[in-house]
Amino acid sequence: MAEVQAFNLFYLIGIIRRYIWYIAALLLLTGIIAVIGTMPYFYPPEYLSHTLIYPTSPERFDVVNLFADEPRVFVYGDSKEVEKLDNLANTPDFQLAIIDSLNLWGEYGVDEGSAHPKFEALRVYNSRVNTIRVAGNGLRIEAYDTDPQRAADIANLVVREIDRRNRHMLLQNRHRIAQLYEQGMQQMRRQLAVYKDSAKLVRRQYDILHSERQTEVMLDRILQVRIRLNNEMARLKAYENSLRPGDTALLNTRARVEGLRKSLLELQSENSQASLSLPKFRDGYDEIRSLEEVYIRLAASIEATKEKLEYLRMINQAEVSTIMVVGEAQPADKKARPVRWLILAASLLVAGLVSIMGVVLVDFILRKQTAQ
């Protein structure tokens, strides 16, 4: 039997020297193919345009946050906002909208009458347009194209479309919030009317005036009349014991007592417009106060909700961007791909490794056949 050759560096160098011309020919052929394949006729040069965007924080215009006791106002959005924009830009509907807007079907070599035109267009689009998340919660938009101006137009259009669609989603959300606030305000107004009617019934039942200040004034008038009546009655009793029946002072005092009695009866009469019953006042005042406290709270809630609704309507009418753009994409003055030297170097490296492995395999087969 023939001796088995150990596989080591000396053996490998010997194999390469033995088959050097075959390896060189393969490398030359590979180099020629790589050079020809990267020529503009076969691989049109593509230009890169890019831009960088940062999402803004939706809390800038959040109603609940801004009307809180300690609002949090952040300018930049967090990683979740970046993820949302990235997902938005990579939906097929979004990508087809970009292709339609710039009429890229012909540029991408897609026949719209073919069996799967959208699939082919999206395949080319995804090979030329990229969204890359970068540090600082930013999103880098890259667009490759054979026309440098068109590459810049694609990148800028992607940015504008991201902002437009994101604003549309936020606007829809704010519209739904506004509807909820409107429904809540209508419900509170109905409750307010119920409590208002209840307070009126209680006031009418207990003869308590509509204004608390008016009630206090009327109560003070009744107390003053009673004090004066008691004083005059005491004076009248003293005069009756000391004066003659026809004395002028006695007659005047009796007249004042009668007048005060009529005034007191008028103030406390149920048919009077300014009547007030002290026992009823004591019984109904607490009930009215509890009803009016609820009424005041509801009125304050309605005003606060109304203020939020006005703010929402103002924001919905304003065209506020949801992203911050570092700078618009500009047409490149130098091609980005193909990088001919890199392709040539990679091709030669692969071809060299494959050719060496091939000659080693051929040498092993020949040695085995010789051994047999």
Protein backbone atom coordinates (compact mmCIF):
# COMPACT_ATOMS: atom_id res chain seq x y z
CA MET A 1 0.00 0.00 0.00
CA ALA A 2 1.10 3.54 -0.73
CA GLU A 3 2.08 5.74 2.16
CA VAL A 4 -0.66 8.14 3.33
CA GLN A 5 0.50 11.76 3.12
CA ALA A 6 -0.08 13.76 6.30
CA PHE A 7 -2.05 16.98 5.79
CA ASN A 8 0.08 19.88 7.02
CA LEU A 9 1.39 23.24 5.87
CA PHE A 10 4.23 21.74 3.83
CA TYR A 11 1.79 19.42 2.08
CA LEU A 12 -0.53 22.37 1.34
CA ILE A 13 2.32 24.50 -0.04
CA GLY A 14 3.40 21.62 -2.23
CA ILE A 15 -0.10 21.16 -3.61
CA ILE A 16 -0.37 24.91 -4.38
CA ARG A 17 3.02 24.86 -6.16
CA ARG A 18 2.04 21.80 -8.14
CA TYR A 19 -1.26 23.30 -9.33
CA ILE A 20 -0.28 26.98 -9.30
CA TRP A 21 -1.20 27.56 -12.93
CA TYR A 22 -4.67 26.10 -12.49
CA ILE A 23 -5.22 28.27 -9.43
CA ALA A 24 -3.88 31.36 -11.20
CA ALA A 25 -6.13 30.72 -14.20
CA LEU A 26 -9.18 30.41 -11.96
CA LEU A 27 -8.27 33.60 -10.11
CA LEU A 28 -7.76 35.45 -13.38
CA LEU A 29 -11.10 34.24 -14.70
CA THR A 30 -12.81 35.23 -11.47
CA GLY A 31 -11.22 38.67 -11.56
CA ILE A 32 -12.34 39.23 -15.15
CA ILE A 33 -15.90 38.17 -14.32
CA ALA A 34 -15.93 40.44 -11.23
CA VAL A 35 -14.69 43.43 -13.22
CA ILE A 36 -17.16 42.85 -16.01
CA GLY A 37 -20.02 42.22 -13.59
CA THR A 38 -19.44 45.53 -11.81
CA MET A 39 -19.37 47.59 -14.98
CA PRO A 40 -22.19 50.18 -15.24
CA TYR A 41 -23.84 48.25 -18.06
CA PHE A 42 -24.37 45.20 -15.84
CA TYR A 43 -24.48 46.87 -12.41
CA PRO A 44 -25.61 50.51 -12.67
CA PRO A 45 -24.01 52.64 -9.96
CA GLU A 46 -26.34 53.62 -7.16
CA TYR A 47 -26.21 56.79 -5.07
CA LEU A 48 -27.07 57.00 -1.40
CA SER A 49 -29.12 59.76 0.21
CA HIS A 50 -29.99 59.67 3.88
CA THR A 51 -31.49 61.71 6.65
CA LEU A 52 -32.05 61.36 10.37
CA ILE A 53 -35.29 61.93 12.27
CA TYR A 54 -36.25 61.93 15.93
CA PRO A 55 -39.81 61.38 17.15
CA THR A 56 -41.36 64.02 19.36
CA SER A 57 -43.06 63.09 22.58
CA PRO A 58 -46.86 62.74 22.29
CA GLU A 59 -47.08 63.94 25.89
CA ARG A 60 -46.46 67.49 24.62
CA PHE A 61 -50.12 67.66 23.62
CA ASP A 62 -51.60 65.05 25.95
CA VAL A 63 -54.67 66.58 27.60
CA VAL A 64 -54.52 64.57 30.81
CA ASN A 65 -50.81 65.28 31.24
CA LEU A 66 -50.94 69.03 30.52
CA PHE A 67 -53.89 69.61 32.84
CA ALA A 68 -52.31 67.62 35.66
CA ASP A 69 -50.98 69.28 38.81
CA GLU A 70 -47.41 68.40 37.80
CA PRO A 71 -47.36 68.03 34.01
CA ARG A 72 -44.47 66.20 32.35
CA VAL A 73 -43.36 67.91 29.17
CA PHE A 74 -40.72 66.03 27.15
CA VAL A 75 -39.56 67.13 23.71
CA TYR A 76 -38.12 63.86 22.40
CA GLY A 77 -39.98 60.58 22.13
CA ASP A 78 -38.76 57.37 23.68
CA SER A 79 -37.80 54.02 22.13
CA LYS A 80 -41.45 53.02 21.77
CA GLU A 81 -42.08 56.02 19.53
CA VAL A 82 -39.07 55.11 17.38
CA GLU A 83 -40.31 51.54 17.11
CA LYS A 84 -43.74 52.79 16.05
CA LEU A 85 -42.26 54.99 13.30
CA ASP A 86 -40.00 52.15 12.14
CA ASN A 87 -42.90 49.71 11.92
CA LEU A 88 -45.00 52.32 10.14
CA ALA A 89 -42.33 52.86 7.47
CA ASN A 90 -41.97 49.13 6.81
CA THR A 91 -45.60 48.25 6.16
CA PRO A 92 -46.42 47.17 2.57
CA ASP A 93 -49.13 49.82 2.32
CA PHE A 94 -46.63 52.54 3.21
CA GLN A 95 -43.99 51.24 0.79
CA LEU A 96 -46.46 50.91 -2.10
CA ALA A 97 -47.60 54.48 -1.43
CA ILE A 98 -43.98 55.66 -1.89
CA ILE A 99 -43.64 53.63 -5.10
CA ASP A 100 -46.91 55.05 -6.46
CA SER A 101 -46.09 58.63 -5.48
CA LEU A 102 -42.80 58.66 -7.40
CA ASN A 103 -43.95 56.15 -10.05
CA LEU A 104 -41.04 53.80 -9.37
CA TRP A 105 -42.56 50.78 -11.14
CA GLY A 106 -40.60 51.35 -14.33
CA GLU A 107 -37.42 52.30 -12.47
CA TYR A 108 -37.61 49.04 -10.55
CA GLY A 109 -38.17 47.08 -13.77
CA VAL A 110 -41.63 45.88 -12.74
CA ASP A 111 -44.34 45.23 -15.29
CA GLU A 112 -47.63 46.25 -13.66
CA GLY A 113 -49.40 43.70 -15.81
CA SER A 114 -47.32 40.79 -14.53
CA ALA A 115 -48.57 38.09 -12.19
CA HIS A 116 -47.02 39.54 -9.01
CA PRO A 117 -46.14 43.20 -9.63
CA LYS A 118 -46.46 44.30 -5.98
CA PHE A 119 -44.24 41.48 -4.76
CA GLU A 120 -41.52 42.36 -7.28
CA ALA A 121 -41.76 46.08 -6.54
CA LEU A 122 -41.55 45.55 -2.79
CA ARG A 123 -38.58 43.22 -3.20
CA VAL A 124 -36.62 45.90 -5.08
CA TYR A 125 -37.82 48.66 -2.75
CA ASN A 126 -36.64 46.79 0.36
CA SER A 127 -33.22 46.29 -1.24
CA ARG A 128 -32.89 50.04 -1.84
CA VAL A 129 -34.70 51.76 1.04
CA ASN A 130 -33.73 51.07 4.64
CA THR A 131 -34.76 52.37 8.06
CA ILE A 132 -32.11 51.97 10.74
CA ARG A 133 -32.59 52.72 14.42
CA VAL A 134 -29.66 54.70 15.83
CA ALA A 135 -28.54 55.73 19.29
CA GLY A 136 -30.47 58.49 20.97
CA ASN A 137 -33.87 57.14 19.84
CA GLY A 138 -33.36 58.26 16.27
CA LEU A 139 -34.29 56.71 12.94
CA ARG A 140 -31.99 56.88 9.93
CA ILE A 141 -33.67 56.79 6.51
CA GLU A 142 -31.46 55.55 3.64
CA ALA A 143 -32.41 55.45 -0.03
CA TYR A 144 -30.30 54.06 -2.90
CA ASP A 145 -31.05 54.86 -6.53
CA THR A 146 -29.32 55.15 -9.86
CA ASP A 147 -30.38 58.82 -9.95
CA PRO A 148 -28.93 60.85 -7.04
CA GLN A 149 -31.82 63.34 -7.13
CA ARG A 150 -34.39 60.57 -7.05
CA ALA A 151 -32.61 58.94 -4.11
CA ALA A 152 -32.91 62.21 -2.18
CA ASP A 153 -36.56 62.57 -3.20
CA ILE A 154 -37.33 59.05 -1.96
CA ALA A 155 -35.69 59.65 1.43
CA ASN A 156 -37.46 62.99 1.92
CA LEU A 157 -40.80 61.54 0.82
CA VAL A 158 -40.43 58.68 3.32
CA VAL A 159 -39.89 61.24 6.09
CA ARG A 160 -42.92 63.31 5.08
CA GLU A 161 -45.13 60.23 4.76
CA ILE A 162 -44.03 58.95 8.17
CA ASP A 163 -44.96 62.29 9.72
CA ARG A 164 -48.28 62.50 7.84
CA ARG A 165 -49.43 59.02 8.82
CA ASN A 166 -48.31 59.36 12.40
CA ARG A 167 -50.13 62.71 12.70
CA HIS A 168 -53.23 61.07 11.22
CA MET A 169 -53.16 58.31 13.84
CA LEU A 170 -52.68 60.79 16.68
CA LEU A 171 -55.46 62.98 15.28
CA GLN A 172 -57.85 60.04 15.19
CA ASN A 173 -56.96 59.23 18.78
CA ARG A 174 -57.56 62.83 19.88
CA HIS A 175 -60.90 62.86 18.05
CA ARG A 176 -61.96 59.78 20.01
CA ILE A 177 -60.82 61.42 23.24
CA ALA A 178 -62.76 64.57 22.33
CA GLN A 179 -65.89 62.49 21.74
CA LEU A 180 -65.49 60.86 25.14
CA TYR A 181 -65.09 64.28 26.78
CA GLU A 182 -68.14 65.56 24.91
CA GLN A 183 -70.23 62.60 26.03
CA GLY A 184 -69.03 62.99 29.61
CA MET A 185 -69.81 66.71 29.58
CA GLN A 186 -73.35 66.09 28.28
CA GLN A 187 -73.92 63.51 31.01
CA MET A 188 -72.65 65.92 33.67
CA ARG A 189 -74.94 68.64 32.31
CA ARG A 190 -77.91 66.34 32.65
CA GLN A 191 -76.88 65.53 36.21
CA LEU A 192 -76.39 69.24 36.88
CA ALA A 193 -79.94 69.96 35.71
CA VAL A 194 -81.28 67.23 38.01
CA TYR A 195 -79.45 68.61 41.05
CA LYS A 196 -80.49 72.15 40.17
CA ASP A 197 -84.16 71.13 39.99
CA SER A 198 -83.81 69.21 43.27
CA ALA A 199 -82.35 72.28 44.97
CA LYS A 200 -85.24 74.40 43.69
CA LEU A 201 -87.77 71.90 45.06
CA VAL A 202 -86.08 71.84 48.45
CA ARG A 203 -85.92 75.65 48.59
CA ARG A 204 -89.58 75.87 47.67
CA GLN A 205 -90.46 73.21 50.22
CA TYR A 206 -88.61 74.94 53.06
CA ASP A 207 -89.17 78.54 51.90
CA ILE A 208 -85.45 79.17 51.53
CA LEU A 209 -84.40 81.83 49.03
CA HIS A 210 -82.24 81.10 46.01
CA SER A 211 -79.30 83.08 47.26
CA GLU A 212 -77.61 82.20 50.50
CA ARG A 213 -76.79 85.86 51.02
CA GLN A 214 -80.43 86.78 50.54
CA THR A 215 -81.37 84.13 53.08
CA GLU A 216 -78.91 85.55 55.60
CA VAL A 217 -80.27 89.07 55.02
CA MET A 218 -83.85 87.91 55.45
CA LEU A 219 -82.93 85.99 58.58
CA ASP A 220 -81.22 89.05 60.00
CA ARG A 221 -84.29 91.20 59.20
CA ILE A 222 -86.58 88.72 60.98
CA LEU A 223 -84.30 88.64 64.02
CA GLN A 224 -84.09 92.44 64.10
CA VAL A 225 -87.89 92.75 63.87
CA ARG A 226 -88.31 90.23 66.67
CA ILE A 227 -85.83 92.08 68.88
CA ARG A 228 -87.58 95.39 68.24
CA LEU A 229 -90.97 93.76 68.85
CA ASN A 230 -89.82 92.32 72.18
CA ASN A 231 -88.42 95.71 73.22
CA GLU A 232 -91.61 97.53 72.26
CA MET A 233 -93.77 94.94 74.01
CA ALA A 234 -91.72 95.37 77.18
CA ARG A 235 -92.05 99.16 76.90
CA LEU A 236 -95.80 98.80 76.24
CA LYS A 237 -96.22 96.66 79.37
CA ALA A 238 -94.36 99.25 81.41
CA TYR A 239 -96.47 102.10 79.98
CA GLU A 240 -99.72 100.22 80.68
CA ASN A 241 -98.73 99.99 84.33
CA SER A 242 -97.63 103.64 84.67
CA LEU A 243 -99.58 105.73 82.12
CA ARG A 244 -103.23 106.51 81.60
CA PRO A 245 -105.07 104.66 78.77
CA GLY A 246 -105.27 107.72 76.51
CA ASP A 247 -101.69 108.83 76.89
CA THR A 248 -99.90 109.59 73.59
CA ALA A 249 -96.76 107.56 74.43
CA LEU A 250 -98.90 104.54 75.25
CA LEU A 251 -100.87 104.84 72.00
CA ASN A 252 -97.71 105.27 69.90
CA THR A 253 -96.09 102.25 71.53
CA ARG A 254 -99.17 100.11 70.83
CA ALA A 255 -99.10 101.25 67.20
CA ARG A 256 -95.44 100.32 66.87
CA VAL A 257 -96.08 96.88 68.39
CA GLU A 258 -98.90 96.21 65.92
CA GLY A 259 -96.75 97.37 63.02
CA LEU A 260 -93.88 95.14 64.03
CA ARG A 261 -96.22 92.16 64.43
CA LYS A 262 -97.57 92.72 60.92
CA SER A 263 -94.05 93.03 59.51
CA LEU A 264 -93.01 89.79 61.19
CA LEU A 265 -96.09 87.99 59.90
CA GLU A 266 -95.46 89.37 56.42
CA LEU A 267 -91.84 88.21 56.45
CA GLN A 268 -92.86 84.71 57.54
CA SER A 269 -96.03 84.44 55.47
CA GLU A 270 -96.11 81.64 52.87
CA ASN A 271 -97.82 84.00 50.39
CA SER A 272 -95.09 86.61 50.68
CA GLN A 273 -92.29 86.91 48.08
CA ALA A 274 -89.82 87.54 50.89
CA SER A 275 -91.01 84.98 53.37
CA LEU A 276 -88.75 82.88 55.53
CA SER A 277 -89.73 80.28 58.09
CA LEU A 278 -87.05 79.81 60.70
CA PRO A 279 -88.01 76.23 61.58
CA LYS A 280 -88.11 75.29 57.90
CA PHE A 281 -84.82 77.07 57.32
CA ARG A 282 -83.13 74.97 59.99
CA ASP A 283 -84.63 71.76 58.60
CA GLY A 284 -83.82 72.38 54.92
CA TYR A 285 -80.54 74.28 55.05
CA ASP A 286 -78.30 71.21 55.45
CA GLU A 287 -80.08 69.38 52.65
CA ILE A 288 -79.72 72.34 50.32
CA ARG A 289 -76.06 72.76 51.17
CA SER A 290 -75.29 69.11 50.31
CA LEU A 291 -77.16 69.45 47.01
CA GLU A 292 -75.37 72.69 46.17
CA GLU A 293 -71.96 71.21 46.96
CA VAL A 294 -72.58 68.50 44.40
CA TYR A 295 -73.89 71.15 42.01
CA ILE A 296 -70.74 73.24 42.44
CA ARG A 297 -68.46 70.24 41.87
CA LEU A 298 -70.35 69.26 38.73
CA ALA A 299 -70.22 72.82 37.42
CA ALA A 300 -66.45 72.94 38.02
CA SER A 301 -65.99 69.58 36.26
CA ILE A 302 -68.01 70.81 33.29
CA GLU A 303 -65.86 73.94 33.01
CA ALA A 304 -62.66 71.89 33.23
CA THR A 305 -63.92 69.45 30.58
CA LYS A 306 -64.97 72.37 28.39
CA GLU A 307 -61.47 73.82 28.66
CA LYS A 308 -59.93 70.48 27.66
CA LEU A 309 -62.30 70.21 24.70
CA GLU A 310 -61.34 73.68 23.49
CA TYR A 311 -57.67 72.73 23.77
CA LEU A 312 -58.25 69.49 21.83
CA ARG A 313 -60.09 71.36 19.05
CA MET A 314 -57.27 73.88 18.83
CA ILE A 315 -54.61 71.14 18.61
CA ASN A 316 -56.65 69.18 16.06
CA GLN A 317 -56.81 72.21 13.80
CA ALA A 318 -53.06 72.91 14.05
CA GLU A 319 -50.57 71.20 11.76
CA VAL A 320 -48.02 70.09 14.34
CA SER A 321 -45.22 67.80 13.21
CA THR A 322 -44.64 64.59 15.15
CA ILE A 323 -40.97 64.28 14.20
CA MET A 324 -37.87 66.42 14.19
CA VAL A 325 -35.74 66.21 11.05
CA VAL A 326 -32.01 66.79 11.43
CA GLY A 327 -31.75 67.84 7.79
CA GLU A 328 -33.29 67.01 4.44
CA ALA A 329 -31.64 64.34 2.33
CA GLN A 330 -29.38 65.81 -0.36
CA PRO A 331 -28.37 64.34 -3.75
CA ALA A 332 -25.03 62.52 -3.51
CA ASP A 333 -22.15 63.47 -5.80
CA LYS A 334 -20.42 60.09 -5.50
CA LYS A 335 -21.79 56.61 -6.02
CA ALA A 336 -22.26 54.44 -2.94
CA ARG A 337 -22.35 51.04 -4.64
CA PRO A 338 -21.01 48.89 -6.13
CA VAL A 339 -17.60 49.20 -4.47
CA ARG A 340 -15.59 47.61 -7.25
CA TRP A 341 -12.36 46.98 -5.36
CA LEU A 342 -14.23 45.36 -2.46
CA ILE A 343 -16.20 43.07 -4.79
CA LEU A 344 -13.03 42.18 -6.68
CA ALA A 345 -11.12 41.44 -3.46
CA ALA A 346 -13.93 39.33 -2.04
CA SER A 347 -14.30 37.41 -5.33
CA LEU A 348 -10.59 36.67 -5.54
CA LEU A 349 -10.49 35.56 -1.91
CA VAL A 350 -13.41 33.18 -2.36
CA ALA A 351 -12.07 31.91 -5.66
CA GLY A 352 -8.64 31.30 -4.11
CA LEU A 353 -10.07 29.34 -1.20
CA VAL A 354 -12.32 27.30 -3.46
CA SER A 355 -9.50 26.55 -5.90
CA ILE A 356 -7.16 25.42 -3.11
CA MET A 357 -9.83 23.17 -1.64
CA GLY A 358 -10.46 21.83 -5.13
CA VAL A 359 -6.85 20.94 -5.86
CA VAL A 360 -6.49 19.32 -2.44
CA LEU A 361 -9.55 17.20 -3.16
CA VAL A 362 -8.27 16.30 -6.64
CA ASP A 363 -4.86 15.35 -5.23
CA PHE A 364 -6.51 13.18 -2.57
CA ILE A 365 -8.61 11.35 -5.19
CA LEU A 366 -5.60 10.79 -7.44
CA ARG A 367 -3.51 9.43 -4.56
CA LYS A 368 -6.31 7.08 -3.58
CA GLN A 369 -6.62 5.76 -7.10
CA THR A 370 -2.87 5.26 -7.28
CA ALA A 371 -2.93 3.38 -3.99
CA GLN A 372 -5.55 1.01 -5.31
